[in-house]
Amino acid sequence: MRAAMHHPVLGRIGFVLAWLTVFNTRAQEFSSSREQRCHYRDTSYGIGQRFVLNRESKVFQCTCAVGAQIRCTWSPTTSPSTKCYDRVTRTWKPPGSSWERIRNGRTLDCSCIRGSSGMQVSCSDENRCHHKGISHRAGTQFETTSDSGRHMNCECLQGKKLTCTYRETVPAPATNSPRREDYVLREPQVLHPQIWTLQACRTGEKVVTNGAVWNQTNTDAFGVKMLEECTCENAIVKCKRLRVVDRIEPHCTSLDGRLRLVGKRWIRRRERYPHQEYICECYAHEKSRCRRTRVPYCLDDVAGEVRTAGDQWKRVHETVENLVFQCTCNDDRSITCKDIGKCSEPPSPVNGAILCANIGIAGGDHVVYCKPMCLADYEFINPERYFRIWEACGPMNLHRWSGGFLGDPDAIARCKARSTGNRRGHSNLYLPTNDCSGMSNLEIEQQKDLFLRQLQFRNLCSRKCQITVFKCGAVE
């Protein structure tokens, strides 16, 4: 036996068997130690170690038992009807508390409120304004710089509305028109006041004389404001753009880069499938939705709107408010507009009266002829009135009166005390009295019949022509 132990082969076998015995023992100890630990959500607990878990309305008291088993008992926490559970932070929020939450790159205002099913978390961005990647709460004031480099002061209002103001330095309009008492010098022309008045222009709110220069702000169909310098030249308004004025409002930016205000719609076509058309609508700031359409539609380039077949709307001129059209979207995607404009009633001249006759009610067939008259001892300020018996208003002049006076754009004549003994012009331009309000019905009817005969003599009206206005002016 002792000889066998000293045998070289048997000695090596004994060494290997001893090494395997030690390895198996240590492996069993390692496996036993691993089996004696509990694992829960990437956390390891030893035998007998306790830990607590919060799950909604329950609190779990857990212990790691022998055999790597987790044994828990639970007890109710505060009633869910008195607190809100925030699943994002896994915390309980008391009633009335508020906090912020970021979702999809936007900051939301969350609060714990009582709903139909108990306490619940309500999150919204209605009182937030998002500008250049920054979220601002309603009532917050901040400074920003527009794309054109203008410094602006902005304030976030309710309903995601952002309003911004800035101090605009309006350049003074350039003019070099020296005035004299009896003429106006505009190189190389000399214009007299009478001609100056007849070549006046209407700016929308007032009438300016020929050669006048002023600044105005014009807004296009997409809500972009432009500062323009306008000049009145021979009764024609000519404007040139000075600069683009910024206006930050809730809007959407379409794929073609255009600015679309909230509520506006537009057409989008797929690049690879141009026959597929979608009607898109901007319903919130930088939020739009598109739906595929198969019904005929029309593109209203003036208002920047999309109209479906059969829609009707009114289109009012930007500066001439009397110029109104009734537009209809047809099945062939064309737009038909009908003139439904109506002339305003001109005021009676001071120290005189006015007679008006109408043809038609409104629109393309509506024409109004008005004849101003002075009292017996008065005469017109403008000598041109002695050769113009009446003024006409209708579709031929955009439903607005020609002539006009500064501060009174609808006035077509003014009367002043006669400076000479002889009356100028035709006798029917004067009333037979200096007391217009004291004229009898017979005298008024005679003036009406005379005006109708004058119009019929020129083939301007037929039996449809009716006198609608006879009104006396103030006496000064």
Protein backbone atom coordinates (compact mmCIF):
# COMPACT_ATOMS: atom_id res chain seq x y z
CA MET A 1 0.00 0.00 0.00
CA ARG A 2 2.74 2.42 0.91
CA ALA A 3 4.45 1.47 -2.31
CA ALA A 4 1.29 2.32 -4.27
CA MET A 5 1.10 5.84 -2.77
CA HIS A 6 4.57 6.50 -3.98
CA HIS A 7 3.64 5.35 -7.46
CA PRO A 8 3.89 8.35 -9.79
CA VAL A 9 0.56 7.75 -11.64
CA LEU A 10 -1.47 7.06 -8.57
CA GLY A 11 -0.09 10.18 -6.91
CA ARG A 12 -1.34 12.41 -9.72
CA ILE A 13 -4.82 10.85 -9.64
CA GLY A 14 -5.10 11.52 -5.93
CA PHE A 15 -4.15 15.16 -6.40
CA VAL A 16 -6.85 15.70 -9.06
CA LEU A 17 -9.50 14.05 -6.91
CA ALA A 18 -8.61 16.30 -3.98
CA TRP A 19 -8.81 19.45 -6.16
CA LEU A 20 -12.26 18.46 -7.54
CA THR A 21 -13.53 17.90 -4.02
CA VAL A 22 -12.52 21.43 -2.94
CA PHE A 23 -14.05 23.01 -6.11
CA ASN A 24 -17.40 21.26 -5.60
CA THR A 25 -17.51 22.34 -1.98
CA ARG A 26 -16.90 26.01 -2.84
CA ALA A 27 -19.42 25.92 -5.72
CA GLN A 28 -22.07 24.53 -3.38
CA GLU A 29 -21.30 27.27 -0.86
CA PHE A 30 -21.54 29.99 -3.59
CA SER A 31 -24.79 28.54 -4.94
CA SER A 32 -26.19 28.28 -1.45
CA SER A 33 -25.26 31.88 -0.67
CA ARG A 34 -26.88 33.09 -3.95
CA GLU A 35 -30.06 31.14 -3.31
CA GLN A 36 -30.28 32.71 0.13
CA ARG A 37 -30.82 36.28 -1.34
CA CYS A 38 -34.04 37.80 -2.69
CA HIS A 39 -34.03 39.81 -5.93
CA TYR A 40 -36.69 42.41 -6.80
CA ARG A 41 -36.35 44.99 -9.58
CA ASP A 42 -32.55 44.99 -9.80
CA THR A 43 -32.22 45.08 -5.98
CA SER A 44 -30.86 42.20 -3.87
CA TYR A 45 -31.94 41.60 -0.27
CA GLY A 46 -30.36 39.26 2.27
CA ILE A 47 -32.16 36.67 4.38
CA GLY A 48 -34.23 38.45 7.02
CA GLN A 49 -33.80 41.89 5.44
CA ARG A 50 -36.96 44.00 5.31
CA PHE A 51 -38.03 46.59 2.78
CA VAL A 52 -41.13 48.67 2.00
CA LEU A 53 -42.99 49.04 -1.32
CA ASN A 54 -45.61 51.71 -2.16
CA ARG A 55 -48.21 50.71 -4.70
CA GLU A 56 -51.08 53.18 -5.25
CA SER A 57 -53.31 52.91 -2.14
CA LYS A 58 -51.31 50.15 -0.36
CA VAL A 59 -48.06 49.92 1.59
CA PHE A 60 -46.30 46.54 1.46
CA GLN A 61 -44.01 45.44 4.36
CA CYS A 62 -41.79 42.76 2.81
CA THR A 63 -39.15 40.36 4.22
CA CYS A 64 -36.62 38.17 2.46
CA ALA A 65 -37.26 34.65 3.83
CA VAL A 66 -35.24 31.43 3.62
CA GLY A 67 -35.28 29.96 0.16
CA ALA A 68 -35.09 33.41 -1.48
CA GLN A 69 -38.81 33.93 -1.01
CA ILE A 70 -40.31 37.42 -0.55
CA ARG A 71 -43.13 37.49 1.95
CA CYS A 72 -45.18 40.68 2.30
CA THR A 73 -48.04 42.03 4.33
CA TRP A 74 -49.89 45.19 3.31
CA SER A 75 -51.87 47.93 4.92
CA PRO A 76 -53.94 50.74 3.31
CA THR A 77 -52.41 54.18 3.01
CA THR A 78 -54.24 57.50 2.93
CA SER A 79 -57.56 57.16 1.12
CA PRO A 80 -57.22 57.77 -2.65
CA SER A 81 -60.16 60.12 -2.48
CA THR A 82 -58.09 62.70 -0.62
CA LYS A 83 -54.82 62.55 -2.58
CA CYS A 84 -53.62 62.16 -6.18
CA TYR A 85 -51.05 59.63 -7.25
CA ASP A 86 -48.53 60.93 -9.81
CA ARG A 87 -47.40 57.92 -11.82
CA VAL A 88 -44.47 59.82 -13.34
CA THR A 89 -42.77 60.67 -10.04
CA ARG A 90 -44.49 57.83 -8.12
CA THR A 91 -45.49 60.19 -5.36
CA TRP A 92 -48.71 61.27 -3.71
CA LYS A 93 -49.88 64.87 -4.21
CA PRO A 94 -52.19 66.62 -1.74
CA PRO A 95 -55.39 68.26 -3.06
CA GLY A 96 -54.87 71.67 -4.68
CA SER A 97 -51.14 71.18 -5.19
CA SER A 98 -49.61 72.06 -8.55
CA TRP A 99 -46.39 71.06 -10.28
CA GLU A 100 -44.82 71.01 -13.73
CA ARG A 101 -44.39 68.06 -16.06
CA ILE A 102 -42.51 67.89 -19.36
CA ARG A 103 -44.12 65.82 -22.10
CA ASN A 104 -42.98 65.64 -25.73
CA GLY A 105 -40.75 68.66 -25.22
CA ARG A 106 -43.56 70.86 -23.81
CA THR A 107 -44.04 72.02 -20.25
CA LEU A 108 -47.43 71.18 -18.73
CA ASP A 109 -49.05 72.58 -15.58
CA CYS A 110 -50.42 69.73 -13.44
CA SER A 111 -52.69 69.95 -10.43
CA CYS A 112 -54.51 67.61 -8.09
CA ILE A 113 -58.27 68.05 -8.51
CA ARG A 114 -61.42 66.14 -7.61
CA GLY A 115 -62.99 64.41 -10.60
CA SER A 116 -65.95 62.18 -11.25
CA SER A 117 -64.00 59.11 -10.14
CA GLY A 118 -62.24 60.71 -7.17
CA MET A 119 -59.02 62.67 -6.95
CA GLN A 120 -57.12 62.79 -10.23
CA VAL A 121 -54.16 64.52 -11.86
CA SER A 122 -55.04 67.11 -14.51
CA CYS A 123 -52.30 68.42 -16.86
CA SER A 124 -52.68 71.12 -19.52
CA ASP A 125 -50.69 73.72 -21.42
CA GLU A 126 -53.61 76.13 -21.99
CA ASN A 127 -51.97 78.73 -19.76
CA ARG A 128 -48.58 78.34 -21.41
CA CYS A 129 -46.94 80.09 -24.33
CA HIS A 130 -44.13 78.30 -26.17
CA HIS A 131 -41.71 80.62 -27.92
CA LYS A 132 -38.35 79.64 -29.37
CA GLY A 133 -38.20 76.43 -27.34
CA ILE A 134 -38.99 78.14 -24.01
CA SER A 135 -42.25 77.68 -22.10
CA HIS A 136 -43.72 80.74 -20.39
CA ARG A 137 -46.57 80.71 -17.89
CA ALA A 138 -49.58 83.02 -18.42
CA GLY A 139 -48.82 86.46 -17.02
CA THR A 140 -45.07 86.14 -17.57
CA GLN A 141 -43.36 89.03 -19.32
CA PHE A 142 -40.12 88.53 -21.19
CA GLU A 143 -37.94 90.09 -23.85
CA THR A 144 -37.11 88.54 -27.20
CA THR A 145 -35.64 89.42 -30.55
CA SER A 146 -37.55 88.95 -33.80
CA ASP A 147 -36.09 87.37 -36.92
CA SER A 148 -35.44 90.85 -38.30
CA GLY A 149 -33.43 91.82 -35.19
CA ARG A 150 -36.08 94.02 -33.57
CA HIS A 151 -36.14 94.05 -29.75
CA MET A 152 -39.62 93.16 -28.50
CA ASN A 153 -41.35 93.01 -25.09
CA CYS A 154 -43.76 90.08 -24.91
CA GLU A 155 -46.37 88.86 -22.45
CA CYS A 156 -48.00 85.44 -22.27
CA LEU A 157 -51.80 85.68 -22.02
CA GLN A 158 -54.46 83.11 -21.29
CA GLY A 159 -55.30 80.58 -23.99
CA LYS A 160 -51.76 80.21 -25.39
CA LYS A 161 -51.90 83.74 -26.80
CA LEU A 162 -48.65 85.62 -27.01
CA THR A 163 -48.69 89.38 -27.51
CA CYS A 164 -45.60 91.44 -28.23
CA THR A 165 -45.04 95.16 -28.51
CA TYR A 166 -42.15 97.30 -29.62
CA ARG A 167 -41.42 100.94 -30.14
CA GLU A 168 -41.71 101.70 -33.83
CA THR A 169 -39.94 104.77 -35.15
CA VAL A 170 -42.00 105.84 -38.13
CA PRO A 171 -40.02 107.87 -40.64
CA ALA A 172 -41.58 111.17 -41.53
CA PRO A 173 -43.00 111.19 -45.06
CA ALA A 174 -40.93 113.13 -47.50
CA THR A 175 -42.67 116.10 -49.09
CA ASN A 176 -41.54 119.27 -50.73
CA SER A 177 -44.77 121.04 -51.58
CA PRO A 178 -44.72 124.71 -50.50
CA ARG A 179 -48.21 126.21 -50.23
CA ARG A 180 -49.37 129.65 -51.23
CA GLU A 181 -52.65 131.41 -50.71
CA ASP A 182 -53.94 131.01 -54.25
CA TYR A 183 -51.93 128.09 -55.64
CA VAL A 184 -49.82 125.07 -54.71
CA LEU A 185 -46.34 124.72 -56.17
CA ARG A 186 -45.21 121.23 -57.05
CA GLU A 187 -42.26 121.34 -59.40
CA PRO A 188 -42.64 121.72 -62.28
CA GLN A 189 -46.44 122.16 -61.99
CA VAL A 190 -48.55 124.88 -60.41
CA LEU A 191 -51.84 123.49 -59.10
CA HIS A 192 -54.72 125.69 -58.07
CA PRO A 193 -56.82 124.80 -55.01
CA GLN A 194 -59.90 123.98 -57.11
CA ILE A 195 -58.07 121.43 -59.22
CA TRP A 196 -56.27 120.24 -56.10
CA THR A 197 -59.59 119.37 -54.46
CA LEU A 198 -61.05 117.54 -57.45
CA GLN A 199 -57.95 115.32 -57.69
CA ALA A 200 -58.16 114.22 -54.07
CA CYS A 201 -57.69 110.61 -52.91
CA ARG A 202 -59.51 108.57 -50.31
CA THR A 203 -57.25 106.84 -47.77
CA GLY A 204 -59.99 104.81 -46.10
CA GLU A 205 -60.60 107.14 -43.14
CA LYS A 206 -60.28 110.51 -44.82
CA VAL A 207 -59.73 112.29 -48.10
CA VAL A 208 -56.36 113.87 -48.82
CA THR A 209 -55.47 116.40 -51.47
CA ASN A 210 -53.40 115.71 -54.54
CA GLY A 211 -49.71 115.38 -53.76
CA ALA A 212 -50.22 114.51 -50.09
CA VAL A 213 -47.80 111.96 -48.62
CA TRP A 214 -48.56 109.78 -45.60
CA ASN A 215 -47.55 106.52 -43.93
CA GLN A 216 -49.90 103.62 -43.41
CA THR A 217 -49.79 100.02 -42.22
CA ASN A 218 -51.13 97.36 -44.56
CA THR A 219 -51.91 93.74 -43.59
CA ASP A 220 -51.80 90.97 -46.16
CA ALA A 221 -53.86 87.77 -46.21
CA PHE A 222 -51.40 85.93 -43.96
CA GLY A 223 -51.43 88.54 -41.19
CA VAL A 224 -48.05 90.08 -41.98
CA LYS A 225 -48.06 93.85 -41.53
CA MET A 226 -46.11 96.18 -43.78
CA LEU A 227 -45.33 99.86 -43.31
CA GLU A 228 -45.94 101.76 -46.55
CA GLU A 229 -45.39 105.30 -47.76
CA CYS A 230 -48.29 106.43 -49.95
CA THR A 231 -48.72 109.40 -52.27
CA CYS A 232 -51.87 110.84 -53.85
CA GLU A 233 -51.26 111.50 -57.55
CA ASN A 234 -54.19 112.62 -59.72
CA ALA A 235 -56.79 110.84 -57.52
CA ILE A 236 -54.71 107.61 -57.55
CA VAL A 237 -53.05 106.29 -54.41
CA LYS A 238 -49.56 104.89 -54.99
CA CYS A 239 -47.75 103.12 -52.15
CA LYS A 240 -44.27 101.72 -51.74
CA ARG A 241 -43.11 99.37 -48.99
CA LEU A 242 -40.82 100.77 -46.32
CA ARG A 243 -40.42 97.78 -44.02
CA VAL A 244 -42.16 94.67 -42.76
CA VAL A 245 -43.70 95.08 -39.33
CA ASP A 246 -43.53 92.06 -37.03
CA ARG A 247 -46.59 90.55 -35.42
CA ILE A 248 -46.33 87.50 -33.21
CA GLU A 249 -49.65 85.71 -32.89
CA PRO A 250 -50.60 82.05 -32.34
CA HIS A 251 -49.91 80.46 -35.71
CA CYS A 252 -48.74 77.40 -37.58
CA THR A 253 -46.02 77.09 -40.18
CA SER A 254 -46.98 74.93 -43.16
CA LEU A 255 -44.53 72.76 -45.08
CA ASP A 256 -44.07 75.47 -47.70
CA GLY A 257 -42.90 77.88 -44.99
CA ARG A 258 -45.99 80.10 -44.96
CA LEU A 259 -47.43 81.59 -41.80
CA ARG A 260 -50.97 80.38 -41.04
CA LEU A 261 -52.92 81.96 -38.20
CA VAL A 262 -55.11 79.89 -35.88
CA GLY A 263 -58.34 78.95 -37.66
CA LYS A 264 -56.89 79.20 -41.17
CA ARG A 265 -56.93 76.26 -43.61
CA TRP A 266 -54.71 75.37 -46.54
CA ILE A 267 -54.11 72.58 -49.07
CA ARG A 268 -51.17 70.17 -48.80
CA ARG A 269 -50.14 67.71 -51.51
CA ARG A 270 -47.78 64.79 -51.12
CA GLU A 271 -44.59 65.16 -53.11
CA ARG A 272 -44.61 61.64 -54.55
CA TYR A 273 -48.40 61.46 -54.88
CA PRO A 274 -49.55 64.94 -55.98
CA HIS A 275 -53.06 63.64 -56.72
CA GLN A 276 -53.57 63.05 -53.00
CA GLU A 277 -54.74 66.30 -51.43
CA TYR A 278 -55.17 67.13 -47.77
CA ILE A 279 -56.99 70.04 -46.13
CA CYS A 280 -54.93 71.25 -43.15
CA GLU A 281 -56.16 73.53 -40.38
CA CYS A 282 -54.24 75.42 -37.70
CA TYR A 283 -56.15 74.86 -34.43
CA ALA A 284 -53.52 76.00 -31.86
CA HIS A 285 -50.06 77.51 -31.71
CA GLU A 286 -47.81 75.35 -33.91
CA LYS A 287 -50.48 72.63 -33.90
CA SER A 288 -52.26 71.62 -37.07
CA ARG A 289 -54.21 68.65 -38.35
CA CYS A 290 -54.65 67.44 -41.93
CA ARG A 291 -57.32 65.21 -43.43
CA ARG A 292 -57.54 63.82 -46.92
CA THR A 293 -60.31 65.37 -49.00
CA ARG A 294 -62.17 64.09 -52.03
CA VAL A 295 -64.73 66.92 -52.30
CA PRO A 296 -64.21 69.92 -54.60
CA TYR A 297 -62.72 72.98 -52.97
CA CYS A 298 -61.58 76.48 -53.89
CA LEU A 299 -58.49 78.43 -52.87
CA ASP A 300 -59.41 81.93 -51.70
CA ASP A 301 -56.10 83.71 -52.28
CA VAL A 302 -57.45 87.02 -50.97
CA ALA A 303 -58.37 85.72 -47.51
CA GLY A 304 -55.86 82.86 -47.55
CA GLU A 305 -58.67 80.36 -46.94
CA VAL A 306 -59.82 77.02 -48.33
CA ARG A 307 -63.51 76.91 -49.26
CA THR A 308 -65.50 73.76 -50.04
CA ALA A 309 -67.90 73.59 -52.98
CA GLY A 310 -71.11 75.48 -52.23
CA ASP A 311 -69.62 77.81 -49.60
CA GLN A 312 -70.61 81.48 -49.83
CA TRP A 313 -68.86 84.39 -48.17
CA LYS A 314 -68.52 88.15 -48.36
CA ARG A 315 -65.34 89.78 -49.55
CA VAL A 316 -64.83 93.39 -48.47
CA HIS A 317 -62.16 95.61 -49.98
CA GLU A 318 -59.36 96.54 -47.60
CA THR A 319 -59.61 100.31 -48.10
CA VAL A 320 -62.96 100.80 -49.88
CA GLU A 321 -65.50 99.47 -47.40
CA ASN A 322 -68.43 100.11 -49.78
CA LEU A 323 -66.93 97.66 -52.30
CA VAL A 324 -68.41 94.30 -51.22
CA PHE A 325 -68.67 91.05 -53.18
CA GLN A 326 -70.71 87.91 -52.58
CA CYS A 327 -68.44 85.00 -53.54
CA THR A 328 -69.36 81.36 -54.19
CA CYS A 329 -67.15 78.28 -54.50
CA ASN A 330 -68.26 76.25 -57.55
CA ASP A 331 -67.97 72.51 -58.19
CA ASP A 332 -65.24 73.11 -60.77
CA ARG A 333 -63.07 74.79 -58.07
CA SER A 334 -63.62 78.24 -59.52
CA ILE A 335 -64.76 81.24 -57.49
CA THR A 336 -67.57 83.47 -58.72
CA CYS A 337 -67.99 86.86 -57.05
CA LYS A 338 -70.96 89.17 -57.51
CA ASP A 339 -70.80 92.86 -56.74
CA ILE A 340 -73.20 93.68 -53.90
CA GLY A 341 -71.63 97.00 -52.93
CA LYS A 342 -73.73 99.99 -51.96
CA CYS A 343 -73.00 103.69 -52.04
CA SER A 344 -73.18 105.65 -48.81
CA GLU A 345 -75.45 108.66 -48.54
CA PRO A 346 -73.50 111.90 -48.97
CA PRO A 347 -74.12 114.65 -46.41
CA SER A 348 -76.13 117.71 -47.36
CA PRO A 349 -73.93 120.70 -48.21
CA VAL A 350 -73.78 123.45 -45.62
CA ASN A 351 -75.99 126.39 -46.69
CA GLY A 352 -77.76 124.20 -49.22
CA ALA A 353 -79.59 120.92 -49.88
CA ILE A 354 -79.12 117.67 -51.74
CA LEU A 355 -81.30 115.51 -54.03
CA CYS A 356 -80.52 111.84 -54.72
CA ALA A 357 -82.02 109.30 -57.14
CA ASN A 358 -81.36 105.56 -57.04
CA ILE A 359 -81.26 102.93 -59.79
CA GLY A 360 -81.35 99.41 -58.42
CA ILE A 361 -80.87 98.28 -54.83
CA ALA A 362 -77.26 97.10 -54.57
CA GLY A 363 -74.48 95.54 -56.59
CA GLY A 364 -73.49 95.94 -60.21
CA ASP A 365 -76.77 97.67 -61.21
CA HIS A 366 -76.81 100.06 -58.27
CA VAL A 367 -76.14 103.66 -59.32
CA VAL A 368 -76.89 106.78 -57.27
CA TYR A 369 -77.09 110.28 -58.75
CA CYS A 370 -76.96 113.16 -56.27
CA LYS A 371 -77.46 116.82 -57.10
CA PRO A 372 -76.19 119.42 -54.60
CA MET A 373 -77.83 122.86 -54.50
CA CYS A 374 -77.05 126.12 -52.73
CA LEU A 375 -79.44 128.58 -51.11
CA ALA A 376 -80.53 131.62 -53.11
CA ASP A 377 -77.84 133.99 -51.76
CA TYR A 378 -75.02 131.42 -51.72
CA GLU A 379 -72.69 129.82 -54.27
CA PHE A 380 -70.38 126.80 -54.48
CA ILE A 381 -66.86 126.98 -53.09
CA ASN A 382 -65.49 125.16 -56.13
CA PRO A 383 -66.30 126.85 -59.48
CA GLU A 384 -66.19 123.40 -61.14
CA ARG A 385 -69.55 122.66 -59.55
CA TYR A 386 -71.19 125.18 -61.91
CA PHE A 387 -70.50 122.75 -64.76
CA ARG A 388 -71.31 119.52 -62.88
CA ILE A 389 -75.04 119.25 -62.20
CA TRP A 390 -74.76 115.96 -60.29
CA GLU A 391 -72.30 113.38 -59.00
CA ALA A 392 -72.65 109.65 -59.67
CA CYS A 393 -71.73 106.70 -57.44
CA GLY A 394 -71.81 103.05 -58.48
CA PRO A 395 -69.72 100.11 -59.66
CA MET A 396 -67.96 102.33 -62.22
CA ASN A 397 -66.21 104.21 -59.37
CA LEU A 398 -66.06 101.43 -56.74
CA HIS A 399 -69.26 102.62 -55.00
CA ARG A 400 -67.67 105.75 -53.65
CA TRP A 401 -68.18 109.44 -54.32
CA SER A 402 -65.72 111.42 -56.38
CA GLY A 403 -64.41 114.72 -55.12
CA GLY A 404 -64.61 114.96 -51.37
CA PHE A 405 -63.17 117.32 -48.80
CA LEU A 406 -60.48 116.96 -46.18
CA GLY A 407 -62.19 115.71 -43.03
CA ASP A 408 -65.47 114.98 -44.88
CA PRO A 409 -64.72 112.35 -47.58
CA ASP A 410 -68.37 111.80 -48.61
CA ALA A 411 -69.18 115.50 -49.12
CA ILE A 412 -69.58 116.42 -52.78
CA ALA A 413 -70.16 120.18 -52.43
CA ARG A 414 -70.00 123.14 -50.07
CA CYS A 415 -71.67 126.54 -50.31
CA LYS A 416 -70.55 129.98 -49.16
CA ALA A 417 -72.07 133.45 -49.19
CA ARG A 418 -72.05 134.95 -52.68
CA SER A 419 -69.32 137.56 -53.09
CA THR A 420 -70.70 139.13 -56.28
CA GLY A 421 -74.16 140.30 -57.26
CA ASN A 422 -74.56 137.88 -60.17
CA ARG A 423 -75.09 134.16 -59.63
CA ARG A 424 -72.82 131.86 -61.57
CA GLY A 425 -73.97 128.62 -63.14
CA HIS A 426 -77.41 127.37 -64.11
CA SER A 427 -80.40 128.56 -62.13
CA ASN A 428 -81.46 125.00 -61.18
CA LEU A 429 -78.33 124.76 -59.01
CA TYR A 430 -79.96 127.17 -56.55
CA LEU A 431 -82.96 126.85 -54.32
CA PRO A 432 -85.65 129.51 -54.66
CA THR A 433 -85.26 130.48 -51.00
CA ASN A 434 -82.74 131.01 -48.21
CA ASP A 435 -84.83 128.86 -45.83
CA CYS A 436 -84.60 125.25 -47.04
CA SER A 437 -86.49 123.84 -44.06
CA GLY A 438 -89.40 126.21 -44.79
CA MET A 439 -90.00 124.96 -48.34
CA SER A 440 -93.50 123.67 -49.09
CA ASN A 441 -94.22 120.19 -50.37
CA LEU A 442 -95.10 121.64 -53.77
CA GLU A 443 -91.71 123.37 -54.03
CA ILE A 444 -89.91 120.17 -53.03
CA GLU A 445 -91.83 118.11 -55.61
CA GLN A 446 -90.93 120.64 -58.28
CA GLN A 447 -87.22 120.20 -57.48
CA LYS A 448 -87.59 116.39 -57.62
CA ASP A 449 -89.41 116.46 -60.98
CA LEU A 450 -86.77 118.79 -62.41
CA PHE A 451 -83.95 116.45 -61.35
CA LEU A 452 -85.70 113.39 -62.85
CA ARG A 453 -86.26 115.18 -66.17
CA GLN A 454 -82.58 116.13 -66.28
CA LEU A 455 -81.53 112.49 -65.76
CA GLN A 456 -84.06 111.16 -68.27
CA PHE A 457 -82.93 113.70 -70.83
CA ARG A 458 -79.46 112.16 -70.65
CA ASN A 459 -80.93 108.60 -70.78
CA LEU A 460 -79.47 107.88 -67.34
CA CYS A 461 -82.63 106.50 -65.76
CA SER A 462 -86.02 105.20 -66.77
CA ARG A 463 -89.15 104.48 -64.79
CA LYS A 464 -87.01 102.54 -62.25
CA CYS A 465 -85.26 105.75 -61.26
CA GLN A 466 -86.71 107.06 -57.99
CA ILE A 467 -85.94 110.04 -55.80
CA THR A 468 -84.86 108.70 -52.40
CA VAL A 469 -83.33 111.72 -50.66
CA PHE A 470 -84.14 115.38 -50.32
CA LYS A 471 -82.34 116.80 -47.34
CA CYS A 472 -81.47 120.30 -46.22
CA GLY A 473 -78.03 121.14 -44.84
CA ALA A 474 -77.04 123.26 -41.88
CA VAL A 475 -76.98 127.03 -42.18
CA GLU A 476 -73.87 128.95 -41.17
